[in-house]
Amino acid sequence: MNEVVYHYCSVDTFFNIIKNSSIWLSDIAKSNDYQECIRCREFVNKGMEEYLRDDVEALKAWSVWYEEGVHIDFSMKTFCVCFSESKDKLSQWRGYAQDGKGIAIGFDKAIFEELNQISEFHTAFGKVIYDNLQEYVQGIIADNIKKLEYKGVGHVALELSQNYRMQFPFVKNPGFKEEKEWRAVVCSPIGHYNIPSSKNILFSKVKYRTANNKLIPYIEMNFERVKKSIIKEIFIGPKSEVEIEDIVNLLSFYGYYDGIEGGYNSQQPIAIKKSSTTYR
């Protein structure tokens, strides 16, 4: 099952994912890591400063216009939904699934990897990097150094935050390493922009919800067209009151077993299991 990634969530969220065949990507700036996207961007900034250190005027221009690019409003937002390689993981149950009362949905990683073929400027799916960032960060730095051959320093610095929005979300603080995270990322302007979709995955326009006294922009990622194949495994949390037969019947009601030959049960075509974690 190493081609499966798990989304830990509450029972309410699980129900809505199944009912609507969609999962929400929320504004990454509202996440529990206040360094989201910042960590990678700052590593790149330091690398560029090191490259320009012997040219005082260029270094000053880089500093001024880098800061301007960070704070300027391009009306763009980065949206994200998170998954984990780890199945039935206690820390994930505690942190993301109602302290063990929720559900973990195992999705087919290959279908989400289609996001990398839609638009390099709008959609991506990949593994989060926690350590050994040199190659990843150096690639971005080298790209910006190349741009200096035909653009001014200030111009390159100003565009940095905007041009690498799709790369920055895949670097996180090592303190989150145990989460073994994969994530789907979408960049879109706020408003009525039509986000590019694929034949299997469709995106809504930006919408809004409230949570924890915040207004949070989000996007719906709809998998209706592949709903009978995208979910491979479901775990019921160690403290959950949901029964296996409840989930089997729910999936049947919402059409996840339509057309399945030979019948269905809790083992196939979707394995549904109680957590083996002895947590109460």
C-alpha atoms as a PDB file:
ATOM      1  CA  MET A   1       0.000   0.000   0.000  1.00  0.00           C
ATOM      2  CA  ASN A   2       2.962   2.354  -0.471  1.00  0.00           C
ATOM      3  CA  GLU A   3       1.059   3.969  -3.345  1.00  0.00           C
ATOM      4  CA  VAL A   4      -1.613   5.138  -0.888  1.00  0.00           C
ATOM      5  CA  VAL A   5      -1.631   8.418   1.046  1.00  0.00           C
ATOM      6  CA  TYR A   6      -3.922   9.054   4.002  1.00  0.00           C
ATOM      7  CA  HIS A   7      -6.094  12.020   4.840  1.00  0.00           C
ATOM      8  CA  TYR A   8      -6.963  12.112   8.553  1.00  0.00           C
ATOM      9  CA  CYS A   9     -10.136  14.014   9.338  1.00  0.00           C
ATOM     10  CA  SER A  10     -13.206  14.328  11.554  1.00  0.00           C
ATOM     11  CA  VAL A  11     -16.306  12.202  11.017  1.00  0.00           C
ATOM     12  CA  ASP A  12     -18.165  15.255   9.685  1.00  0.00           C
ATOM     13  CA  THR A  13     -15.421  15.964   7.161  1.00  0.00           C
ATOM     14  CA  PHE A  14     -15.277  12.296   6.152  1.00  0.00           C
ATOM     15  CA  PHE A  15     -19.024  12.285   5.555  1.00  0.00           C
ATOM     16  CA  ASN A  16     -18.861  15.383   3.350  1.00  0.00           C
ATOM     17  CA  ILE A  17     -15.892  14.044   1.368  1.00  0.00           C
ATOM     18  CA  ILE A  18     -17.812  10.846   0.616  1.00  0.00           C
ATOM     19  CA  LYS A  19     -21.141  12.568  -0.010  1.00  0.00           C
ATOM     20  CA  ASN A  20     -19.764  15.213  -2.370  1.00  0.00           C
ATOM     21  CA  SER A  21     -16.838  13.236  -3.832  1.00  0.00           C
ATOM     22  CA  SER A  22     -14.631  16.211  -3.116  1.00  0.00           C
ATOM     23  CA  ILE A  23     -11.930  17.349  -0.754  1.00  0.00           C
ATOM     24  CA  TRP A  24     -11.142  20.937   0.235  1.00  0.00           C
ATOM     25  CA  LEU A  25      -7.877  22.778  -0.269  1.00  0.00           C
ATOM     26  CA  SER A  26      -7.616  25.686   2.179  1.00  0.00           C
ATOM     27  CA  ASP A  27      -5.523  28.846   2.215  1.00  0.00           C
ATOM     28  CA  ILE A  28      -2.083  27.666   3.318  1.00  0.00           C
ATOM     29  CA  ALA A  29      -1.517  30.889   5.257  1.00  0.00           C
ATOM     30  CA  LYS A  30      -4.205  29.725   7.718  1.00  0.00           C
ATOM     31  CA  SER A  31      -2.448  26.427   8.528  1.00  0.00           C
ATOM     32  CA  ASN A  32      -0.864  25.388  11.835  1.00  0.00           C
ATOM     33  CA  ASP A  33       2.677  26.097  10.559  1.00  0.00           C
ATOM     34  CA  TYR A  34       3.283  29.853  10.523  1.00  0.00           C
ATOM     35  CA  GLN A  35       6.368  29.315   8.335  1.00  0.00           C
ATOM     36  CA  GLU A  36       4.446  27.744   5.453  1.00  0.00           C
ATOM     37  CA  CYS A  37       6.098  28.851   2.180  1.00  0.00           C
ATOM     38  CA  ILE A  38       8.314  31.277   4.123  1.00  0.00           C
ATOM     39  CA  ARG A  39      11.001  28.753   5.044  1.00  0.00           C
ATOM     40  CA  CYS A  40      11.884  27.827   1.471  1.00  0.00           C
ATOM     41  CA  ARG A  41      11.633  31.419   0.238  1.00  0.00           C
ATOM     42  CA  GLU A  42      14.033  32.612   2.935  1.00  0.00           C
ATOM     43  CA  PHE A  43      16.582  29.919   2.075  1.00  0.00           C
ATOM     44  CA  VAL A  44      16.449  31.102  -1.531  1.00  0.00           C
ATOM     45  CA  ASN A  45      16.776  34.724  -0.421  1.00  0.00           C
ATOM     46  CA  LYS A  46      19.885  33.948   1.639  1.00  0.00           C
ATOM     47  CA  GLY A  47      21.403  32.082  -1.287  1.00  0.00           C
ATOM     48  CA  MET A  48      20.870  35.041  -3.595  1.00  0.00           C
ATOM     49  CA  GLU A  49      22.314  37.435  -1.024  1.00  0.00           C
ATOM     50  CA  GLU A  50      25.385  35.226  -0.787  1.00  0.00           C
ATOM     51  CA  TYR A  51      25.732  35.246  -4.570  1.00  0.00           C
ATOM     52  CA  LEU A  52      25.480  39.061  -4.704  1.00  0.00           C
ATOM     53  CA  ARG A  53      27.546  39.811  -1.606  1.00  0.00           C
ATOM     54  CA  ASP A  54      30.497  41.361  -3.497  1.00  0.00           C
ATOM     55  CA  ASP A  55      28.278  43.816  -5.382  1.00  0.00           C
ATOM     56  CA  VAL A  56      26.999  46.329  -2.820  1.00  0.00           C
ATOM     57  CA  GLU A  57      24.540  48.069  -5.156  1.00  0.00           C
ATOM     58  CA  ALA A  58      23.116  44.830  -6.496  1.00  0.00           C
ATOM     59  CA  LEU A  59      22.768  43.425  -2.987  1.00  0.00           C
ATOM     60  CA  LYS A  60      20.927  46.560  -1.839  1.00  0.00           C
ATOM     61  CA  ALA A  61      18.586  46.407  -4.830  1.00  0.00           C
ATOM     62  CA  TRP A  62      17.902  42.736  -4.189  1.00  0.00           C
ATOM     63  CA  SER A  63      17.040  43.400  -0.523  1.00  0.00           C
ATOM     64  CA  VAL A  64      14.672  46.293  -1.279  1.00  0.00           C
ATOM     65  CA  TRP A  65      12.783  44.624  -4.097  1.00  0.00           C
ATOM     66  CA  TYR A  66      12.689  41.201  -2.441  1.00  0.00           C
ATOM     67  CA  GLU A  67      10.829  42.722   0.512  1.00  0.00           C
ATOM     68  CA  GLU A  68       8.548  44.595  -1.863  1.00  0.00           C
ATOM     69  CA  GLY A  69       7.721  41.344  -3.655  1.00  0.00           C
ATOM     70  CA  VAL A  70       6.935  39.575  -0.385  1.00  0.00           C
ATOM     71  CA  HIS A  71       4.382  42.175   0.677  1.00  0.00           C
ATOM     72  CA  ILE A  72       2.895  43.280  -2.620  1.00  0.00           C
ATOM     73  CA  ASP A  73      -0.643  42.016  -3.269  1.00  0.00           C
ATOM     74  CA  PHE A  74      -0.848  39.969  -6.466  1.00  0.00           C
ATOM     75  CA  SER A  75      -4.373  38.770  -5.495  1.00  0.00           C
ATOM     76  CA  MET A  76      -2.954  35.238  -5.570  1.00  0.00           C
ATOM     77  CA  LYS A  77      -3.463  32.643  -2.860  1.00  0.00           C
ATOM     78  CA  THR A  78      -1.885  29.245  -2.297  1.00  0.00           C
ATOM     79  CA  PHE A  79      -4.294  26.459  -1.356  1.00  0.00           C
ATOM     80  CA  CYS A  80      -3.326  23.092   0.069  1.00  0.00           C
ATOM     81  CA  VAL A  81      -4.682  19.784   1.339  1.00  0.00           C
ATOM     82  CA  CYS A  82      -2.423  17.431   3.290  1.00  0.00           C
ATOM     83  CA  PHE A  83      -1.952  13.667   3.304  1.00  0.00           C
ATOM     84  CA  SER A  84       0.408  11.343   5.155  1.00  0.00           C
ATOM     85  CA  GLU A  85       2.348   8.251   4.123  1.00  0.00           C
ATOM     86  CA  SER A  86       1.609   6.853   7.588  1.00  0.00           C
ATOM     87  CA  LYS A  87      -1.459   4.729   8.072  1.00  0.00           C
ATOM     88  CA  ASP A  88      -3.029   4.280  11.486  1.00  0.00           C
ATOM     89  CA  LYS A  89      -0.515   6.677  13.073  1.00  0.00           C
ATOM     90  CA  LEU A  90      -1.245   7.806  16.647  1.00  0.00           C
ATOM     91  CA  SER A  91       0.131  11.337  16.199  1.00  0.00           C
ATOM     92  CA  GLN A  92      -2.045  11.810  13.122  1.00  0.00           C
ATOM     93  CA  TRP A  93      -5.116  10.559  14.949  1.00  0.00           C
ATOM     94  CA  ARG A  94      -4.438  12.990  17.785  1.00  0.00           C
ATOM     95  CA  GLY A  95      -3.646  15.990  15.650  1.00  0.00           C
ATOM     96  CA  TYR A  96      -6.028  15.764  12.708  1.00  0.00           C
ATOM     97  CA  ALA A  97      -8.823  13.290  13.438  1.00  0.00           C
ATOM     98  CA  GLN A  98     -10.686  14.497  16.527  1.00  0.00           C
ATOM     99  CA  ASP A  99      -8.141  13.039  18.943  1.00  0.00           C
ATOM    100  CA  GLY A 100      -8.762   9.562  17.545  1.00  0.00           C
ATOM    101  CA  LYS A 101     -12.529   9.833  17.033  1.00  0.00           C
ATOM    102  CA  GLY A 102     -12.235  10.507  13.302  1.00  0.00           C
ATOM    103  CA  ILE A 103     -11.456   8.648  10.086  1.00  0.00           C
ATOM    104  CA  ALA A 104      -8.418   8.210   7.810  1.00  0.00           C
ATOM    105  CA  ILE A 105      -9.077   7.884   4.080  1.00  0.00           C
ATOM    106  CA  GLY A 106      -6.444   6.154   1.952  1.00  0.00           C
ATOM    107  CA  PHE A 107      -6.301   7.693  -1.536  1.00  0.00           C
ATOM    108  CA  ASP A 108      -4.598   6.404  -4.663  1.00  0.00           C
ATOM    109  CA  LYS A 109      -1.488   8.550  -4.999  1.00  0.00           C
ATOM    110  CA  ALA A 110      -1.282   8.013  -8.771  1.00  0.00           C
ATOM    111  CA  ILE A 111      -4.547   9.858  -9.417  1.00  0.00           C
ATOM    112  CA  PHE A 112      -3.386  12.901  -7.460  1.00  0.00           C
ATOM    113  CA  GLU A 113      -0.116  12.851  -9.401  1.00  0.00           C
ATOM    114  CA  GLU A 114      -2.175  13.873 -12.427  1.00  0.00           C
ATOM    115  CA  LEU A 115      -2.156  17.361 -10.909  1.00  0.00           C
ATOM    116  CA  ASN A 116       1.469  17.694 -12.030  1.00  0.00           C
ATOM    117  CA  GLN A 117       0.339  17.411 -15.659  1.00  0.00           C
ATOM    118  CA  ILE A 118      -2.397  20.058 -15.587  1.00  0.00           C
ATOM    119  CA  SER A 119      -0.551  23.359 -15.179  1.00  0.00           C
ATOM    120  CA  GLU A 120       2.874  24.057 -13.709  1.00  0.00           C
ATOM    121  CA  PHE A 121       1.617  27.484 -12.641  1.00  0.00           C
ATOM    122  CA  HIS A 122      -1.548  26.332 -10.870  1.00  0.00           C
ATOM    123  CA  THR A 123      -1.530  22.707  -9.667  1.00  0.00           C
ATOM    124  CA  ALA A 124       0.967  20.294  -8.104  1.00  0.00           C
ATOM    125  CA  PHE A 125       1.162  17.169  -5.972  1.00  0.00           C
ATOM    126  CA  GLY A 126       4.271  15.960  -4.216  1.00  0.00           C
ATOM    127  CA  LYS A 127       6.176  14.895  -1.145  1.00  0.00           C
ATOM    128  CA  VAL A 128       7.163  17.452   1.464  1.00  0.00           C
ATOM    129  CA  ILE A 129      10.899  17.958   2.086  1.00  0.00           C
ATOM    130  CA  TYR A 130      12.079  18.378   5.682  1.00  0.00           C
ATOM    131  CA  ASP A 131      15.836  17.752   5.517  1.00  0.00           C
ATOM    132  CA  ASN A 132      18.619  17.896   2.934  1.00  0.00           C
ATOM    133  CA  LEU A 133      17.122  20.890   1.152  1.00  0.00           C
ATOM    134  CA  GLN A 134      20.283  21.866  -0.697  1.00  0.00           C
ATOM    135  CA  GLU A 135      19.448  20.372  -4.097  1.00  0.00           C
ATOM    136  CA  TYR A 136      15.860  21.631  -4.095  1.00  0.00           C
ATOM    137  CA  VAL A 137      16.708  25.151  -2.935  1.00  0.00           C
ATOM    138  CA  GLN A 138      19.831  25.386  -5.081  1.00  0.00           C
ATOM    139  CA  GLY A 139      17.745  24.637  -8.151  1.00  0.00           C
ATOM    140  CA  ILE A 140      15.599  27.714  -7.477  1.00  0.00           C
ATOM    141  CA  ILE A 141      18.666  29.839  -6.742  1.00  0.00           C
ATOM    142  CA  ALA A 142      20.365  28.736  -9.977  1.00  0.00           C
ATOM    143  CA  ASP A 143      17.212  29.562 -11.915  1.00  0.00           C
ATOM    144  CA  ASN A 144      17.198  33.108 -10.504  1.00  0.00           C
ATOM    145  CA  ILE A 145      20.908  33.595 -11.155  1.00  0.00           C
ATOM    146  CA  LYS A 146      20.245  32.636 -14.778  1.00  0.00           C
ATOM    147  CA  LYS A 147      17.544  35.307 -14.984  1.00  0.00           C
ATOM    148  CA  LEU A 148      20.086  37.971 -14.014  1.00  0.00           C
ATOM    149  CA  GLU A 149      21.584  37.555 -17.497  1.00  0.00           C
ATOM    150  CA  TYR A 150      18.583  39.270 -19.060  1.00  0.00           C
ATOM    151  CA  LYS A 151      16.731  40.959 -16.163  1.00  0.00           C
ATOM    152  CA  GLY A 152      17.702  43.513 -13.578  1.00  0.00           C
ATOM    153  CA  VAL A 153      18.377  42.442  -9.993  1.00  0.00           C
ATOM    154  CA  GLY A 154      15.370  44.380  -8.701  1.00  0.00           C
ATOM    155  CA  HIS A 155      13.099  42.811 -11.294  1.00  0.00           C
ATOM    156  CA  VAL A 156      14.177  39.262 -10.415  1.00  0.00           C
ATOM    157  CA  ALA A 157      13.845  39.961  -6.673  1.00  0.00           C
ATOM    158  CA  LEU A 158      10.382  41.478  -7.081  1.00  0.00           C
ATOM    159  CA  GLU A 159       9.096  38.448  -8.978  1.00  0.00           C
ATOM    160  CA  LEU A 160      10.571  35.775  -6.701  1.00  0.00           C
ATOM    161  CA  SER A 161       7.590  35.316  -4.368  1.00  0.00           C
ATOM    162  CA  GLN A 162       5.149  35.172  -7.252  1.00  0.00           C
ATOM    163  CA  ASN A 163       7.114  32.972  -9.645  1.00  0.00           C
ATOM    164  CA  TYR A 164       7.890  30.183  -7.170  1.00  0.00           C
ATOM    165  CA  ARG A 165       4.577  29.903  -5.364  1.00  0.00           C
ATOM    166  CA  MET A 166       4.254  26.314  -6.573  1.00  0.00           C
ATOM    167  CA  GLN A 167       7.672  25.300  -5.208  1.00  0.00           C
ATOM    168  CA  PHE A 168       7.704  26.984  -1.795  1.00  0.00           C
ATOM    169  CA  PRO A 169       4.899  24.864  -0.209  1.00  0.00           C
ATOM    170  CA  PHE A 170       6.916  21.641  -0.493  1.00  0.00           C
ATOM    171  CA  VAL A 171       9.496  22.617   2.146  1.00  0.00           C
ATOM    172  CA  LYS A 172       8.618  22.447   5.853  1.00  0.00           C
ATOM    173  CA  ASN A 173      10.314  22.739   9.215  1.00  0.00           C
ATOM    174  CA  PRO A 174      11.982  19.439  10.313  1.00  0.00           C
ATOM    175  CA  GLY A 175       9.815  19.561  13.446  1.00  0.00           C
ATOM    176  CA  PHE A 176       6.955  18.266  11.270  1.00  0.00           C
ATOM    177  CA  LYS A 177       9.021  15.416   9.829  1.00  0.00           C
ATOM    178  CA  GLU A 178       7.119  12.589  11.512  1.00  0.00           C
ATOM    179  CA  GLU A 179       4.012  13.553   9.546  1.00  0.00           C
ATOM    180  CA  LYS A 180       5.606  12.166   6.339  1.00  0.00           C
ATOM    181  CA  GLU A 181       3.434  14.549   4.392  1.00  0.00           C
ATOM    182  CA  TRP A 182       2.356  14.676   0.788  1.00  0.00           C
ATOM    183  CA  ARG A 183       0.242  17.570  -0.388  1.00  0.00           C
ATOM    184  CA  ALA A 184      -1.868  18.814  -3.255  1.00  0.00           C
ATOM    185  CA  VAL A 185      -1.288  22.500  -3.977  1.00  0.00           C
ATOM    186  CA  VAL A 186      -3.267  24.946  -6.091  1.00  0.00           C
ATOM    187  CA  CYS A 187      -2.480  28.607  -6.770  1.00  0.00           C
ATOM    188  CA  SER A 188      -5.344  30.848  -7.811  1.00  0.00           C
ATOM    189  CA  PRO A 189      -6.384  34.477  -7.650  1.00  0.00           C
ATOM    190  CA  ILE A 190      -9.274  35.324  -5.364  1.00  0.00           C
ATOM    191  CA  GLY A 191     -12.395  35.878  -7.445  1.00  0.00           C
ATOM    192  CA  HIS A 192     -14.054  34.019 -10.267  1.00  0.00           C
ATOM    193  CA  TYR A 193     -10.984  32.513 -11.921  1.00  0.00           C
ATOM    194  CA  ASN A 194     -11.443  29.109 -13.563  1.00  0.00           C
ATOM    195  CA  ILE A 195      -8.670  26.864 -12.257  1.00  0.00           C
ATOM    196  CA  PRO A 196      -7.425  24.390 -14.901  1.00  0.00           C
ATOM    197  CA  SER A 197      -8.725  20.841 -14.364  1.00  0.00           C
ATOM    198  CA  SER A 198      -7.982  17.372 -15.728  1.00  0.00           C
ATOM    199  CA  LYS A 199     -10.293  14.665 -17.026  1.00  0.00           C
ATOM    200  CA  ASN A 200     -10.427  13.108 -13.547  1.00  0.00           C
ATOM    201  CA  ILE A 201     -10.004  16.041 -11.155  1.00  0.00           C
ATOM    202  CA  LEU A 202     -12.124  19.201 -11.273  1.00  0.00           C
ATOM    203  CA  PHE A 203     -11.621  22.389  -9.260  1.00  0.00           C
ATOM    204  CA  SER A 204     -14.212  24.901  -8.089  1.00  0.00           C
ATOM    205  CA  LYS A 205     -13.682  28.638  -8.027  1.00  0.00           C
ATOM    206  CA  VAL A 206     -12.466  30.072  -4.717  1.00  0.00           C
ATOM    207  CA  LYS A 207     -15.079  29.914  -1.949  1.00  0.00           C
ATOM    208  CA  TYR A 208     -15.121  30.992   1.712  1.00  0.00           C
ATOM    209  CA  ARG A 209     -15.827  29.287   5.033  1.00  0.00           C
ATOM    210  CA  THR A 210     -15.374  30.144   8.698  1.00  0.00           C
ATOM    211  CA  ALA A 211     -13.327  28.185  11.251  1.00  0.00           C
ATOM    212  CA  ASN A 212     -11.741  29.114  14.591  1.00  0.00           C
ATOM    213  CA  ASN A 213     -12.981  32.689  14.237  1.00  0.00           C
ATOM    214  CA  LYS A 214     -11.234  33.048  10.856  1.00  0.00           C
ATOM    215  CA  LEU A 215     -12.484  33.649   7.335  1.00  0.00           C
ATOM    216  CA  ILE A 216     -10.774  30.977   5.227  1.00  0.00           C
ATOM    217  CA  PRO A 217     -10.713  30.851   1.426  1.00  0.00           C
ATOM    218  CA  TYR A 218     -10.843  27.326   0.016  1.00  0.00           C
ATOM    219  CA  ILE A 219     -11.222  25.390  -3.220  1.00  0.00           C
ATOM    220  CA  GLU A 220     -13.141  22.164  -3.773  1.00  0.00           C
ATOM    221  CA  MET A 221     -11.231  19.388  -5.571  1.00  0.00           C
ATOM    222  CA  ASN A 222     -13.864  17.082  -7.051  1.00  0.00           C
ATOM    223  CA  PHE A 223     -13.058  13.429  -7.813  1.00  0.00           C
ATOM    224  CA  GLU A 224     -16.569  12.289  -8.819  1.00  0.00           C
ATOM    225  CA  ARG A 225     -15.312  10.870 -12.106  1.00  0.00           C
ATOM    226  CA  VAL A 226     -12.886   8.476 -10.381  1.00  0.00           C
ATOM    227  CA  LYS A 227     -14.645   7.965  -7.058  1.00  0.00           C
ATOM    228  CA  LYS A 228     -14.905   4.185  -7.561  1.00  0.00           C
ATOM    229  CA  SER A 229     -11.133   3.828  -7.851  1.00  0.00           C
ATOM    230  CA  ILE A 230      -9.496   6.691  -5.944  1.00  0.00           C
ATOM    231  CA  ILE A 231     -10.243   5.420  -2.403  1.00  0.00           C
ATOM    232  CA  LYS A 232      -8.267   2.295  -1.557  1.00  0.00           C
ATOM    233  CA  GLU A 233      -8.501   1.976   2.222  1.00  0.00           C
ATOM    234  CA  ILE A 234     -10.348   3.496   5.173  1.00  0.00           C
ATOM    235  CA  PHE A 235      -9.323   3.365   8.840  1.00  0.00           C
ATOM    236  CA  ILE A 236     -11.728   4.085  11.681  1.00  0.00           C
ATOM    237  CA  GLY A 237     -10.085   5.977  14.530  1.00  0.00           C
ATOM    238  CA  PRO A 238      -9.225   4.202  17.808  1.00  0.00           C
ATOM    239  CA  LYS A 239     -11.797   6.247  19.754  1.00  0.00           C
ATOM    240  CA  SER A 240     -14.410   6.426  17.004  1.00  0.00           C
ATOM    241  CA  GLU A 241     -17.967   5.221  17.463  1.00  0.00           C
ATOM    242  CA  VAL A 242     -18.399   4.633  13.731  1.00  0.00           C
ATOM    243  CA  GLU A 243     -18.859   0.976  12.756  1.00  0.00           C
ATOM    244  CA  ILE A 244     -17.381  -0.763   9.725  1.00  0.00           C
ATOM    245  CA  GLU A 245     -20.832  -1.613   8.381  1.00  0.00           C
ATOM    246  CA  ASP A 246     -21.804   2.070   8.646  1.00  0.00           C
ATOM    247  CA  ILE A 247     -19.038   2.977   6.209  1.00  0.00           C
ATOM    248  CA  VAL A 248     -19.819   0.082   3.847  1.00  0.00           C
ATOM    249  CA  ASN A 249     -23.447   1.194   3.688  1.00  0.00           C
ATOM    250  CA  LEU A 250     -22.499   4.872   3.275  1.00  0.00           C
ATOM    251  CA  LEU A 251     -20.190   4.093   0.363  1.00  0.00           C
ATOM    252  CA  SER A 252     -22.902   1.976  -1.229  1.00  0.00           C
ATOM    253  CA  PHE A 253     -25.516   4.718  -0.787  1.00  0.00           C
ATOM    254  CA  TYR A 254     -23.327   7.301  -2.522  1.00  0.00           C
ATOM    255  CA  GLY A 255     -22.424   5.082  -5.457  1.00  0.00           C
ATOM    256  CA  TYR A 256     -18.862   4.018  -4.679  1.00  0.00           C
ATOM    257  CA  TYR A 257     -19.752   0.373  -5.397  1.00  0.00           C
ATOM    258  CA  ASP A 258     -21.882   0.944  -8.495  1.00  0.00           C
ATOM    259  CA  GLY A 259     -21.086  -1.585 -11.201  1.00  0.00           C
ATOM    260  CA  ILE A 260     -18.824  -3.684  -8.963  1.00  0.00           C
ATOM    261  CA  GLU A 261     -19.048  -7.291 -10.136  1.00  0.00           C
ATOM    262  CA  GLY A 262     -19.115 -10.067  -7.578  1.00  0.00           C
ATOM    263  CA  GLY A 263     -20.432  -7.883  -4.774  1.00  0.00           C
ATOM    264  CA  TYR A 264     -18.637  -5.844  -2.156  1.00  0.00           C
ATOM    265  CA  ASN A 265     -17.816  -6.081   1.530  1.00  0.00           C
ATOM    266  CA  SER A 266     -15.522  -4.556   4.135  1.00  0.00           C
ATOM    267  CA  GLN A 267     -12.449  -6.040   2.451  1.00  0.00           C
ATOM    268  CA  GLN A 268     -13.020  -5.319  -1.230  1.00  0.00           C
ATOM    269  CA  PRO A 269     -12.936  -3.258  -3.330  1.00  0.00           C
ATOM    270  CA  ILE A 270     -12.175  -0.822  -0.459  1.00  0.00           C
ATOM    271  CA  ALA A 271     -10.551  -2.202   2.701  1.00  0.00           C
ATOM    272  CA  ILE A 272     -12.298  -0.796   5.777  1.00  0.00           C
ATOM    273  CA  LYS A 273     -10.630  -1.433   9.126  1.00  0.00           C
ATOM    274  CA  LYS A 274     -10.701  -0.432  12.754  1.00  0.00           C
ATOM    275  CA  SER A 275      -7.497   1.190  14.010  1.00  0.00           C
ATOM    276  CA  SER A 276      -5.118  -1.184  15.749  1.00  0.00           C
ATOM    277  CA  THR A 277      -3.908   1.653  17.987  1.00  0.00           C
ATOM    278  CA  THR A 278      -4.836   1.036  21.634  1.00  0.00           C
ATOM    279  CA  TYR A 279      -5.601   4.674  22.390  1.00  0.00           C
ATOM    280  CA  ARG A 280      -8.482   5.849  24.563  1.00  0.00           C
END
